[in-house]
C-alpha cells in the first residue's frame, strides 16, 4: 500500500532559529513560521524542525522575519506539560528549507 506524507508552506520566521544538539550528538533546529491566510484572516503558525546539516545551515543563514519555503512531513509528537498532562504537538519535519528573501552582504554571518 502506498503512502504519502508531504506538505509545503511559504511563511515568515517568527524568531531566529536556535541550534540544539541531542545527547547523541545530532544537531537540530526548531522555529516557527507564520503563513498568510489571506485578507482579514489571522496567520497560521506552524512549528518546524530541521535535523543535521539542514539545521546547521538554517541556524547560520535564516533570521526572524525572513520569508522561507518549507517542505517536509507532518508529525505528531506526544509530550507532558508542566502539570504532567499528556499533550500532542503538531510539527513539520523539514526536508527542504529555502530562503526566499534576497541575501545581502550585511546578512552574512560573522566568521570571527
PDB file of N, CA and C in Angstrom:
ATOM      1  N   UNK A   1       0.846  -1.180   0.000  1.00  0.00           N
ATOM      2  CA  UNK A   1       0.000   0.000   0.000  1.00  0.00           C
ATOM      3  C   UNK A   1       0.890   1.242   0.000  1.00  0.00           C
ATOM      4  N   UNK A   2       0.609   2.174  -0.887  1.00  0.00           N
ATOM      5  CA  UNK A   2       1.382   3.410  -0.992  1.00  0.00           C
ATOM      6  C   UNK A   2       0.924   4.405   0.067  1.00  0.00           C
ATOM      7  N   UNK A   3       1.864   5.202   0.554  1.00  0.00           N
ATOM      8  CA  UNK A   3       1.534   6.268   1.498  1.00  0.00           C
ATOM      9  C   UNK A   3       2.239   7.544   1.058  1.00  0.00           C
ATOM     10  N   UNK A   4       1.704   8.668   1.518  1.00  0.00           N
ATOM     11  CA  UNK A   4       2.317   9.957   1.214  1.00  0.00           C
ATOM     12  C   UNK A   4       2.083  10.892   2.376  1.00  0.00           C
ATOM     13  N   UNK A   5       3.149  11.445   2.905  1.00  0.00           N
ATOM     14  CA  UNK A   5       3.076  12.436   3.975  1.00  0.00           C
ATOM     15  C   UNK A   5       4.013  13.558   3.563  1.00  0.00           C
ATOM     16  N   UNK A   6       3.485  14.533   2.841  1.00  0.00           N
ATOM     17  CA  UNK A   6       4.289  15.607   2.276  1.00  0.00           C
ATOM     18  C   UNK A   6       3.478  16.896   2.343  1.00  0.00           C
ATOM     19  N   UNK A   7       4.078  17.972   2.815  1.00  0.00           N
ATOM     20  CA  UNK A   7       3.394  19.255   2.839  1.00  0.00           C
ATOM     21  C   UNK A   7       4.401  20.366   2.548  1.00  0.00           C
ATOM     22  N   UNK A   8       3.884  21.470   2.015  1.00  0.00           N
ATOM     23  CA  UNK A   8       4.721  22.606   1.640  1.00  0.00           C
ATOM     24  C   UNK A   8       4.058  23.895   2.094  1.00  0.00           C
ATOM     25  N   UNK A   9       4.863  24.830   2.578  1.00  0.00           N
ATOM     26  CA  UNK A   9       4.353  26.110   3.055  1.00  0.00           C
ATOM     27  C   UNK A   9       5.346  27.211   2.719  1.00  0.00           C
ATOM     28  N   UNK A  10       4.826  28.423   2.570  1.00  0.00           N
ATOM     29  CA  UNK A  10       5.643  29.622   2.491  1.00  0.00           C
ATOM     30  C   UNK A  10       5.194  30.522   3.627  1.00  0.00           C
ATOM     31  N   UNK A  11       6.147  30.978   4.428  1.00  0.00           N
ATOM     32  CA  UNK A  11       5.821  31.842   5.551  1.00  0.00           C
ATOM     33  C   UNK A  11       7.040  32.613   6.013  1.00  0.00           C
ATOM     34  N   UNK A  12       6.836  33.404   7.053  1.00  0.00           N
ATOM     35  CA  UNK A  12       7.917  34.217   7.619  1.00  0.00           C
ATOM     36  C   UNK A  12       8.292  33.704   9.005  1.00  0.00           C
ATOM     37  N   UNK A  13       9.608  33.685   9.274  1.00  0.00           N
ATOM     38  CA  UNK A  13      10.091  33.211  10.561  1.00  0.00           C
ATOM     39  C   UNK A  13       9.643  34.136  11.688  1.00  0.00           C
ATOM     40  N   UNK A  14       9.179  33.524  12.782  1.00  0.00           N
ATOM     41  CA  UNK A  14       8.732  34.283  13.940  1.00  0.00           C
ATOM     42  C   UNK A  14       9.865  34.708  14.856  1.00  0.00           C
ATOM     43  N   UNK A  15      10.995  33.999  14.789  1.00  0.00           N
ATOM     44  CA  UNK A  15      12.182  34.359  15.565  1.00  0.00           C
ATOM     45  C   UNK A  15      13.388  33.695  14.926  1.00  0.00           C
ATOM     46  N   UNK A  16      14.572  34.101  15.366  1.00  0.00           N
ATOM     47  CA  UNK A  16      15.797  33.483  14.852  1.00  0.00           C
ATOM     48  C   UNK A  16      15.848  32.011  15.275  1.00  0.00           C
ATOM     49  N   UNK A  17      16.166  31.110  14.346  1.00  0.00           N
ATOM     50  CA  UNK A  17      16.324  29.692  14.713  1.00  0.00           C
ATOM     51  C   UNK A  17      17.515  29.498  15.650  1.00  0.00           C
ATOM     52  N   UNK A  18      17.391  28.560  16.583  1.00  0.00           N
ATOM     53  CA  UNK A  18      18.480  28.251  17.510  1.00  0.00           C
ATOM     54  C   UNK A  18      18.857  26.787  17.368  1.00  0.00           C
ATOM     55  N   UNK A  19      20.146  26.543  17.243  1.00  0.00           N
ATOM     56  CA  UNK A  19      20.660  25.188  17.080  1.00  0.00           C
ATOM     57  C   UNK A  19      20.823  24.518  18.441  1.00  0.00           C
ATOM     58  N   UNK A  20      20.355  23.274  18.528  1.00  0.00           N
ATOM     59  CA  UNK A  20      20.496  22.459  19.732  1.00  0.00           C
ATOM     60  C   UNK A  20      21.079  21.124  19.294  1.00  0.00           C
ATOM     61  N   UNK A  21      21.735  20.425  20.211  1.00  0.00           N
ATOM     62  CA  UNK A  21      22.324  19.118  19.899  1.00  0.00           C
ATOM     63  C   UNK A  21      21.738  18.086  20.860  1.00  0.00           C
ATOM     64  N   UNK A  22      21.310  16.941  20.324  1.00  0.00           N
ATOM     65  CA  UNK A  22      20.769  15.871  21.157  1.00  0.00           C
ATOM     66  C   UNK A  22      21.889  15.246  21.993  1.00  0.00           C
ATOM     67  N   UNK A  23      21.516  14.401  22.941  1.00  0.00           N
ATOM     68  CA  UNK A  23      22.514  13.745  23.795  1.00  0.00           C
ATOM     69  C   UNK A  23      23.448  12.841  22.996  1.00  0.00           C
ATOM     70  N   UNK A  24      22.985  12.357  21.827  1.00  0.00           N
ATOM     71  CA  UNK A  24      23.859  11.525  21.000  1.00  0.00           C
ATOM     72  C   UNK A  24      24.534  12.316  19.875  1.00  0.00           C
ATOM     73  N   UNK A  25      24.515  13.657  19.976  1.00  0.00           N
ATOM     74  CA  UNK A  25      25.299  14.495  19.076  1.00  0.00           C
ATOM     75  C   UNK A  25      24.631  14.925  17.778  1.00  0.00           C
ATOM     76  N   UNK A  26      23.306  14.707  17.626  1.00  0.00           N
ATOM     77  CA  UNK A  26      22.606  15.101  16.398  1.00  0.00           C
ATOM     78  C   UNK A  26      22.115  16.549  16.522  1.00  0.00           C
ATOM     79  N   UNK A  27      22.563  17.434  15.630  1.00  0.00           N
ATOM     80  CA  UNK A  27      22.086  18.818  15.683  1.00  0.00           C
ATOM     81  C   UNK A  27      20.663  18.947  15.122  1.00  0.00           C
ATOM     82  N   UNK A  28      19.876  19.813  15.769  1.00  0.00           N
ATOM     83  CA  UNK A  28      18.543  20.118  15.259  1.00  0.00           C
ATOM     84  C   UNK A  28      18.201  21.564  15.562  1.00  0.00           C
ATOM     85  N   UNK A  29      17.291  22.106  14.768  1.00  0.00           N
ATOM     86  CA  UNK A  29      16.839  23.475  14.923  1.00  0.00           C
ATOM     87  C   UNK A  29      15.324  23.474  14.908  1.00  0.00           C
ATOM     88  N   UNK A  30      14.724  24.230  15.831  1.00  0.00           N
ATOM     89  CA  UNK A  30      13.278  24.409  15.851  1.00  0.00           C
ATOM     90  C   UNK A  30      12.987  25.886  15.639  1.00  0.00           C
ATOM     91  N   UNK A  31      11.951  26.171  14.847  1.00  0.00           N
ATOM     92  CA  UNK A  31      11.494  27.539  14.664  1.00  0.00           C
ATOM     93  C   UNK A  31      10.041  27.501  14.211  1.00  0.00           C
ATOM     94  N   UNK A  32       9.399  28.642  14.201  1.00  0.00           N
ATOM     95  CA  UNK A  32       8.021  28.720  13.737  1.00  0.00           C
ATOM     96  C   UNK A  32       7.937  29.676  12.562  1.00  0.00           C
ATOM     97  N   UNK A  33       6.942  29.429  11.710  1.00  0.00           N
ATOM     98  CA  UNK A  33       6.683  30.342  10.605  1.00  0.00           C
ATOM     99  C   UNK A  33       5.213  30.754  10.646  1.00  0.00           C
ATOM    100  N   UNK A  34       4.956  31.972  10.184  1.00  0.00           N
ATOM    101  CA  UNK A  34       3.594  32.483  10.050  1.00  0.00           C
ATOM    102  C   UNK A  34       3.227  32.419   8.574  1.00  0.00           C
ATOM    103  N   UNK A  35       2.163  31.672   8.271  1.00  0.00           N
ATOM    104  CA  UNK A  35       1.694  31.523   6.896  1.00  0.00           C
ATOM    105  C   UNK A  35       0.477  32.421   6.715  1.00  0.00           C
ATOM    106  N   UNK A  36       0.540  33.323   5.740  1.00  0.00           N
ATOM    107  CA  UNK A  36      -0.553  34.247   5.465  1.00  0.00           C
ATOM    108  C   UNK A  36      -1.768  33.465   4.973  1.00  0.00           C
ATOM    109  N   UNK A  37      -2.935  33.738   5.585  1.00  0.00           N
ATOM    110  CA  UNK A  37      -4.168  33.042   5.219  1.00  0.00           C
ATOM    111  C   UNK A  37      -5.090  33.896   4.362  1.00  0.00           C
ATOM    112  N   UNK A  38      -4.663  35.101   4.028  1.00  0.00           N
ATOM    113  CA  UNK A  38      -5.483  35.971   3.197  1.00  0.00           C
ATOM    114  C   UNK A  38      -6.022  37.152   3.980  1.00  0.00           C
ATOM    115  N   UNK A  39      -6.679  38.032   3.260  1.00  0.00           N
ATOM    116  CA  UNK A  39      -7.209  39.267   3.842  1.00  0.00           C
ATOM    117  C   UNK A  39      -8.170  38.975   4.993  1.00  0.00           C
ATOM    118  N   UNK A  40      -8.022  39.726   6.066  1.00  0.00           N
ATOM    119  CA  UNK A  40      -8.872  39.629   7.261  1.00  0.00           C
ATOM    120  C   UNK A  40      -8.789  38.283   7.971  1.00  0.00           C
ATOM    121  N   UNK A  41      -7.742  37.506   7.706  1.00  0.00           N
ATOM    122  CA  UNK A  41      -7.549  36.217   8.368  1.00  0.00           C
ATOM    123  C   UNK A  41      -6.272  36.259   9.192  1.00  0.00           C
ATOM    124  N   UNK A  42      -6.289  35.623  10.345  1.00  0.00           N
ATOM    125  CA  UNK A  42      -5.081  35.529  11.157  1.00  0.00           C
ATOM    126  C   UNK A  42      -4.098  34.573  10.486  1.00  0.00           C
ATOM    127  N   UNK A  43      -2.787  34.800  10.677  1.00  0.00           N
ATOM    128  CA  UNK A  43      -1.803  33.873  10.090  1.00  0.00           C
ATOM    129  C   UNK A  43      -1.866  32.505  10.766  1.00  0.00           C
ATOM    130  N   UNK A  44      -1.491  31.489  10.023  1.00  0.00           N
ATOM    131  CA  UNK A  44      -1.378  30.132  10.546  1.00  0.00           C
ATOM    132  C   UNK A  44       0.054  29.946  11.021  1.00  0.00           C
ATOM    133  N   UNK A  45       0.251  29.674  12.320  1.00  0.00           N
ATOM    134  CA  UNK A  45       1.593  29.473  12.865  1.00  0.00           C
ATOM    135  C   UNK A  45       1.909  27.988  12.866  1.00  0.00           C
ATOM    136  N   UNK A  46       3.052  27.637  12.281  1.00  0.00           N
ATOM    137  CA  UNK A  46       3.488  26.245  12.198  1.00  0.00           C
ATOM    138  C   UNK A  46       4.854  26.080  12.859  1.00  0.00           C
ATOM    139  N   UNK A  47       5.021  24.984  13.583  1.00  0.00           N
ATOM    140  CA  UNK A  47       6.311  24.646  14.192  1.00  0.00           C
ATOM    141  C   UNK A  47       7.094  23.775  13.222  1.00  0.00           C
ATOM    142  N   UNK A  48       8.350  24.172  12.979  1.00  0.00           N
ATOM    143  CA  UNK A  48       9.213  23.484  12.024  1.00  0.00           C
ATOM    144  C   UNK A  48      10.420  22.912  12.764  1.00  0.00           C
ATOM    145  N   UNK A  49      10.830  21.699  12.392  1.00  0.00           N
ATOM    146  CA  UNK A  49      12.028  21.058  12.941  1.00  0.00           C
ATOM    147  C   UNK A  49      12.936  20.669  11.782  1.00  0.00           C
ATOM    148  N   UNK A  50      14.218  21.027  11.882  1.00  0.00           N
ATOM    149  CA  UNK A  50      15.232  20.634  10.892  1.00  0.00           C
ATOM    150  C   UNK A  50      16.302  19.819  11.612  1.00  0.00           C
ATOM    151  N   UNK A  51      16.860  18.853  10.919  1.00  0.00           N
ATOM    152  CA  UNK A  51      17.891  17.993  11.502  1.00  0.00           C
ATOM    153  C   UNK A  51      19.208  18.088  10.737  1.00  0.00           C
ATOM    154  N   UNK A  52      20.284  17.840  11.442  1.00  0.00           N
ATOM    155  CA  UNK A  52      21.649  17.678  10.937  1.00  0.00           C
ATOM    156  C   UNK A  52      22.111  18.845  10.074  1.00  0.00           C
ATOM    157  N   UNK A  53      22.597  18.602   8.847  1.00  0.00           N
ATOM    158  CA  UNK A  53      23.195  19.653   8.020  1.00  0.00           C
ATOM    159  C   UNK A  53      22.198  20.773   7.719  1.00  0.00           C
ATOM    160  N   UNK A  54      20.932  20.426   7.440  1.00  0.00           N
ATOM    161  CA  UNK A  54      19.910  21.439   7.187  1.00  0.00           C
ATOM    162  C   UNK A  54      19.733  22.333   8.417  1.00  0.00           C
ATOM    163  N   UNK A  55      19.738  21.744   9.596  1.00  0.00           N
ATOM    164  CA  UNK A  55      19.608  22.515  10.839  1.00  0.00           C
ATOM    165  C   UNK A  55      20.758  23.509  10.989  1.00  0.00           C
ATOM    166  N   UNK A  56      21.972  23.069  10.713  1.00  0.00           N
ATOM    167  CA  UNK A  56      23.143  23.943  10.828  1.00  0.00           C
ATOM    168  C   UNK A  56      23.082  25.089   9.823  1.00  0.00           C
ATOM    169  N   UNK A  57      22.641  24.791   8.604  1.00  0.00           N
ATOM    170  CA  UNK A  57      22.545  25.812   7.563  1.00  0.00           C
ATOM    171  C   UNK A  57      21.476  26.847   7.903  1.00  0.00           C
ATOM    172  N   UNK A  58      20.325  26.385   8.346  1.00  0.00           N
ATOM    173  CA  UNK A  58      19.231  27.302   8.686  1.00  0.00           C
ATOM    174  C   UNK A  58      19.616  28.181   9.872  1.00  0.00           C
ATOM    175  N   UNK A  59      20.248  27.615  10.866  1.00  0.00           N
ATOM    176  CA  UNK A  59      20.661  28.410  12.033  1.00  0.00           C
ATOM    177  C   UNK A  59      21.641  29.500  11.610  1.00  0.00           C
ATOM    178  N   UNK A  60      22.471  29.201  10.628  1.00  0.00           N
ATOM    179  CA  UNK A  60      23.502  30.137  10.187  1.00  0.00           C
ATOM    180  C   UNK A  60      22.937  31.272   9.341  1.00  0.00           C
ATOM    181  N   UNK A  61      21.975  30.983   8.458  1.00  0.00           N
ATOM    182  CA  UNK A  61      21.532  31.968   7.475  1.00  0.00           C
ATOM    183  C   UNK A  61      20.129  32.550   7.680  1.00  0.00           C
ATOM    184  N   UNK A  62      19.218  31.832   8.317  1.00  0.00           N
ATOM    185  CA  UNK A  62      17.844  32.307   8.458  1.00  0.00           C
ATOM    186  C   UNK A  62      17.694  33.212   9.682  1.00  0.00           C
ATOM    187  N   UNK A  63      16.946  34.280   9.517  1.00  0.00           N
ATOM    188  CA  UNK A  63      16.732  35.254  10.591  1.00  0.00           C
ATOM    189  C   UNK A  63      15.248  35.586  10.703  1.00  0.00           C
ATOM    190  N   UNK A  64      14.855  36.070  11.864  1.00  0.00           N
ATOM    191  CA  UNK A  64      13.479  36.476  12.129  1.00  0.00           C
ATOM    192  C   UNK A  64      12.979  37.396  11.014  1.00  0.00           C
ATOM    193  N   UNK A  65      11.757  37.124  10.531  1.00  0.00           N
ATOM    194  CA  UNK A  65      11.135  37.950   9.512  1.00  0.00           C
ATOM    195  C   UNK A  65      11.392  37.514   8.087  1.00  0.00           C
ATOM    196  N   UNK A  66      12.403  36.667   7.866  1.00  0.00           N
ATOM    197  CA  UNK A  66      12.696  36.206   6.504  1.00  0.00           C
ATOM    198  C   UNK A  66      11.584  35.296   5.999  1.00  0.00           C
ATOM    199  N   UNK A  67      11.305  35.423   4.697  1.00  0.00           N
ATOM    200  CA  UNK A  67      10.326  34.549   4.068  1.00  0.00           C
ATOM    201  C   UNK A  67      11.037  33.275   3.614  1.00  0.00           C
ATOM    202  N   UNK A  68      10.428  32.125   3.929  1.00  0.00           N
ATOM    203  CA  UNK A  68      11.026  30.838   3.585  1.00  0.00           C
ATOM    204  C   UNK A  68       9.984  29.899   2.976  1.00  0.00           C
ATOM    205  N   UNK A  69      10.462  29.020   2.123  1.00  0.00           N
ATOM    206  CA  UNK A  69       9.680  27.892   1.612  1.00  0.00           C
ATOM    207  C   UNK A  69      10.103  26.680   2.430  1.00  0.00           C
ATOM    208  N   UNK A  70       9.135  25.967   2.993  1.00  0.00           N
ATOM    209  CA  UNK A  70       9.423  24.780   3.797  1.00  0.00           C
ATOM    210  C   UNK A  70       8.663  23.600   3.209  1.00  0.00           C
ATOM    211  N   UNK A  71       9.373  22.492   3.001  1.00  0.00           N
ATOM    212  CA  UNK A  71       8.731  21.259   2.558  1.00  0.00           C
ATOM    213  C   UNK A  71       9.179  20.149   3.495  1.00  0.00           C
ATOM    214  N   UNK A  72       8.241  19.293   3.880  1.00  0.00           N
ATOM    215  CA  UNK A  72       8.583  18.207   4.785  1.00  0.00           C
ATOM    216  C   UNK A  72       7.388  17.335   5.084  1.00  0.00           C
ATOM    217  N   UNK A  73       7.491  16.605   6.187  1.00  0.00           N
ATOM    218  CA  UNK A  73       6.410  15.686   6.559  1.00  0.00           C
ATOM    219  C   UNK A  73       5.764  16.143   7.867  1.00  0.00           C
ATOM    220  N   UNK A  74       4.478  15.917   7.969  1.00  0.00           N
ATOM    221  CA  UNK A  74       3.725  16.254   9.166  1.00  0.00           C
ATOM    222  C   UNK A  74       3.977  15.195  10.226  1.00  0.00           C
ATOM    223  N   UNK A  75       4.198  15.648  11.467  1.00  0.00           N
ATOM    224  CA  UNK A  75       4.489  14.712  12.557  1.00  0.00           C
ATOM    225  C   UNK A  75       3.702  15.116  13.791  1.00  0.00           C
ATOM    226  N   UNK A  76       3.132  14.131  14.486  1.00  0.00           N
ATOM    227  CA  UNK A  76       2.512  14.345  15.789  1.00  0.00           C
ATOM    228  C   UNK A  76       3.471  13.814  16.840  1.00  0.00           C
ATOM    229  N   UNK A  77       3.688  14.616  17.875  1.00  0.00           N
ATOM    230  CA  UNK A  77       4.628  14.233  18.931  1.00  0.00           C
ATOM    231  C   UNK A  77       3.939  14.393  20.279  1.00  0.00           C
ATOM    232  N   UNK A  78       3.980  13.349  21.096  1.00  0.00           N
ATOM    233  CA  UNK A  78       3.390  13.407  22.437  1.00  0.00           C
ATOM    234  C   UNK A  78       4.402  13.934  23.443  1.00  0.00           C
ATOM    235  N   UNK A  79       3.908  14.691  24.414  1.00  0.00           N
ATOM    236  CA  UNK A  79       4.756  15.191  25.499  1.00  0.00           C
ATOM    237  C   UNK A  79       3.879  15.478  26.711  1.00  0.00           C
ATOM    238  N   UNK A  80       4.516  15.675  27.858  1.00  0.00           N
ATOM    239  CA  UNK A  80       3.791  16.030  29.079  1.00  0.00           C
ATOM    240  C   UNK A  80       4.086  17.482  29.413  1.00  0.00           C
ATOM    241  N   UNK A  81       3.020  18.243  29.725  1.00  0.00           N
ATOM    242  CA  UNK A  81       3.196  19.655  30.060  1.00  0.00           C
ATOM    243  C   UNK A  81       3.656  19.810  31.510  1.00  0.00           C
ATOM    244  N   UNK A  82       3.748  21.057  31.976  1.00  0.00           N
ATOM    245  CA  UNK A  82       4.242  21.340  33.330  1.00  0.00           C
ATOM    246  C   UNK A  82       3.372  20.723  34.411  1.00  0.00           C
ATOM    247  N   UNK A  83       2.105  20.509  34.113  1.00  0.00           N
ATOM    248  CA  UNK A  83       1.183  19.904  35.080  1.00  0.00           C
ATOM    249  C   UNK A  83       1.056  18.402  34.884  1.00  0.00           C
ATOM    250  N   UNK A  84       1.982  17.828  34.115  1.00  0.00           N
ATOM    251  CA  UNK A  84       2.057  16.389  33.855  1.00  0.00           C
ATOM    252  C   UNK A  84       0.848  15.862  33.080  1.00  0.00           C
ATOM    253  N   UNK A  85       0.265  16.735  32.255  1.00  0.00           N
ATOM    254  CA  UNK A  85      -0.860  16.336  31.404  1.00  0.00           C
ATOM    255  C   UNK A  85      -0.313  15.965  30.027  1.00  0.00           C
ATOM    256  N   UNK A  86      -0.777  14.836  29.505  1.00  0.00           N
ATOM    257  CA  UNK A  86      -0.341  14.370  28.185  1.00  0.00           C
ATOM    258  C   UNK A  86      -0.895  15.297  27.100  1.00  0.00           C
ATOM    259  N   UNK A  87      -0.012  15.793  26.236  1.00  0.00           N
ATOM    260  CA  UNK A  87      -0.386  16.702  25.139  1.00  0.00           C
ATOM    261  C   UNK A  87       0.191  16.170  23.834  1.00  0.00           C
ATOM    262  N   UNK A  88      -0.274  16.758  22.725  1.00  0.00           N
ATOM    263  CA  UNK A  88       0.290  16.423  21.427  1.00  0.00           C
ATOM    264  C   UNK A  88       0.702  17.700  20.718  1.00  0.00           C
ATOM    265  N   UNK A  89       1.860  17.666  20.106  1.00  0.00           N
ATOM    266  CA  UNK A  89       2.359  18.783  19.313  1.00  0.00           C
ATOM    267  C   UNK A  89       2.326  18.370  17.841  1.00  0.00           C
ATOM    268  N   UNK A  90       1.916  19.302  17.001  1.00  0.00           N
ATOM    269  CA  UNK A  90       1.938  19.086  15.558  1.00  0.00           C
ATOM    270  C   UNK A  90       3.106  19.883  15.013  1.00  0.00           C
ATOM    271  N   UNK A  91       3.978  19.230  14.257  1.00  0.00           N
ATOM    272  CA  UNK A  91       5.131  19.927  13.695  1.00  0.00           C
ATOM    273  C   UNK A  91       5.450  19.387  12.310  1.00  0.00           C
ATOM    274  N   UNK A  92       6.190  20.198  11.560  1.00  0.00           N
ATOM    275  CA  UNK A  92       6.654  19.809  10.239  1.00  0.00           C
ATOM    276  C   UNK A  92       8.135  19.468  10.357  1.00  0.00           C
ATOM    277  N   UNK A  93       8.507  18.251  10.003  1.00  0.00           N
ATOM    278  CA  UNK A  93       9.913  17.861   9.960  1.00  0.00           C
ATOM    279  C   UNK A  93      10.395  18.178   8.549  1.00  0.00           C
ATOM    280  N   UNK A  94      11.188  19.243   8.438  1.00  0.00           N
ATOM    281  CA  UNK A  94      11.576  19.773   7.136  1.00  0.00           C
ATOM    282  C   UNK A  94      12.640  18.919   6.452  1.00  0.00           C
ATOM    283  N   UNK A  95      12.453  18.742   5.148  1.00  0.00           N
ATOM    284  CA  UNK A  95      13.481  18.125   4.306  1.00  0.00           C
ATOM    285  C   UNK A  95      14.112  19.185   3.402  1.00  0.00           C
ATOM    286  N   UNK A  96      13.343  20.255   3.131  1.00  0.00           N
ATOM    287  CA  UNK A  96      13.822  21.377   2.328  1.00  0.00           C
ATOM    288  C   UNK A  96      13.402  22.675   3.011  1.00  0.00           C
ATOM    289  N   UNK A  97      14.337  23.584   3.181  1.00  0.00           N
ATOM    290  CA  UNK A  97      14.029  24.952   3.604  1.00  0.00           C
ATOM    291  C   UNK A  97      14.805  25.861   2.674  1.00  0.00           C
ATOM    292  N   UNK A  98      14.081  26.711   1.964  1.00  0.00           N
ATOM    293  CA  UNK A  98      14.715  27.638   1.030  1.00  0.00           C
ATOM    294  C   UNK A  98      14.369  29.059   1.444  1.00  0.00           C
ATOM    295  N   UNK A  99      15.390  29.883   1.629  1.00  0.00           N
ATOM    296  CA  UNK A  99      15.177  31.289   1.967  1.00  0.00           C
ATOM    297  C   UNK A  99      14.765  32.015   0.692  1.00  0.00           C
ATOM    298  N   UNK A 100      13.630  32.713   0.746  1.00  0.00           N
ATOM    299  CA  UNK A 100      13.098  33.384  -0.435  1.00  0.00           C
ATOM    300  C   UNK A 100      13.480  34.858  -0.507  1.00  0.00           C
ATOM    301  N   UNK A 101      13.901  35.440   0.603  1.00  0.00           N
ATOM    302  CA  UNK A 101      14.328  36.837   0.595  1.00  0.00           C
ATOM    303  C   UNK A 101      15.693  36.953  -0.062  1.00  0.00           C
ATOM    304  N   UNK A 102      15.952  38.121  -0.643  1.00  0.00           N
ATOM    305  CA  UNK A 102      17.268  38.365  -1.232  1.00  0.00           C
ATOM    306  C   UNK A 102      18.304  38.419  -0.124  1.00  0.00           C
ATOM    307  N   UNK A 103      19.433  37.792  -0.379  1.00  0.00           N
ATOM    308  CA  UNK A 103      20.535  37.745   0.580  1.00  0.00           C
ATOM    309  C   UNK A 103      21.472  38.910   0.289  1.00  0.00           C
ATOM    310  N   UNK A 104      21.773  39.703   1.318  1.00  0.00           N
ATOM    311  CA  UNK A 104      22.686  40.833   1.149  1.00  0.00           C
ATOM    312  C   UNK A 104      23.948  40.582   1.968  1.00  0.00           C
ATOM    313  N   UNK A 105      25.071  41.244   1.628  1.00  0.00           N
ATOM    314  CA  UNK A 105      26.310  41.042   2.392  1.00  0.00           C
ATOM    315  C   UNK A 105      26.139  41.319   3.886  1.00  0.00           C
ATOM    316  N   UNK A 106      25.240  42.216   4.260  1.00  0.00           N
ATOM    317  CA  UNK A 106      25.036  42.508   5.689  1.00  0.00           C
ATOM    318  C   UNK A 106      24.377  41.334   6.400  1.00  0.00           C
ATOM    319  N   UNK A 107      23.754  40.403   5.636  1.00  0.00           N
ATOM    320  CA  UNK A 107      23.150  39.196   6.212  1.00  0.00           C
ATOM    321  C   UNK A 107      24.173  38.107   6.494  1.00  0.00           C
ATOM    322  N   UNK A 108      25.394  38.279   5.978  1.00  0.00           N
ATOM    323  CA  UNK A 108      26.449  37.276   6.141  1.00  0.00           C
ATOM    324  C   UNK A 108      26.770  37.085   7.606  1.00  0.00           C
ATOM    325  N   UNK A 109      26.771  35.826   8.098  1.00  0.00           N
ATOM    326  CA  UNK A 109      27.113  35.585   9.498  1.00  0.00           C
ATOM    327  C   UNK A 109      28.570  35.927   9.784  1.00  0.00           C
ATOM    328  N   UNK A 110      28.828  36.322  11.014  1.00  0.00           N
ATOM    329  CA  UNK A 110      30.201  36.637  11.416  1.00  0.00           C
ATOM    330  C   UNK A 110      31.055  35.391  11.377  1.00  0.00           C
ATOM    331  N   UNK A 111      32.246  35.518  10.840  1.00  0.00           N
ATOM    332  CA  UNK A 111      33.181  34.392  10.778  1.00  0.00           C
ATOM    333  C   UNK A 111      34.274  34.532  11.815  1.00  0.00           C
ATOM    334  N   UNK A 112      34.033  35.354  12.799  1.00  0.00           N
ATOM    335  CA  UNK A 112      35.055  35.601  13.829  1.00  0.00           C
ATOM    336  C   UNK A 112      35.153  34.456  14.790  1.00  0.00           C
TER     337      UNK A 112
END
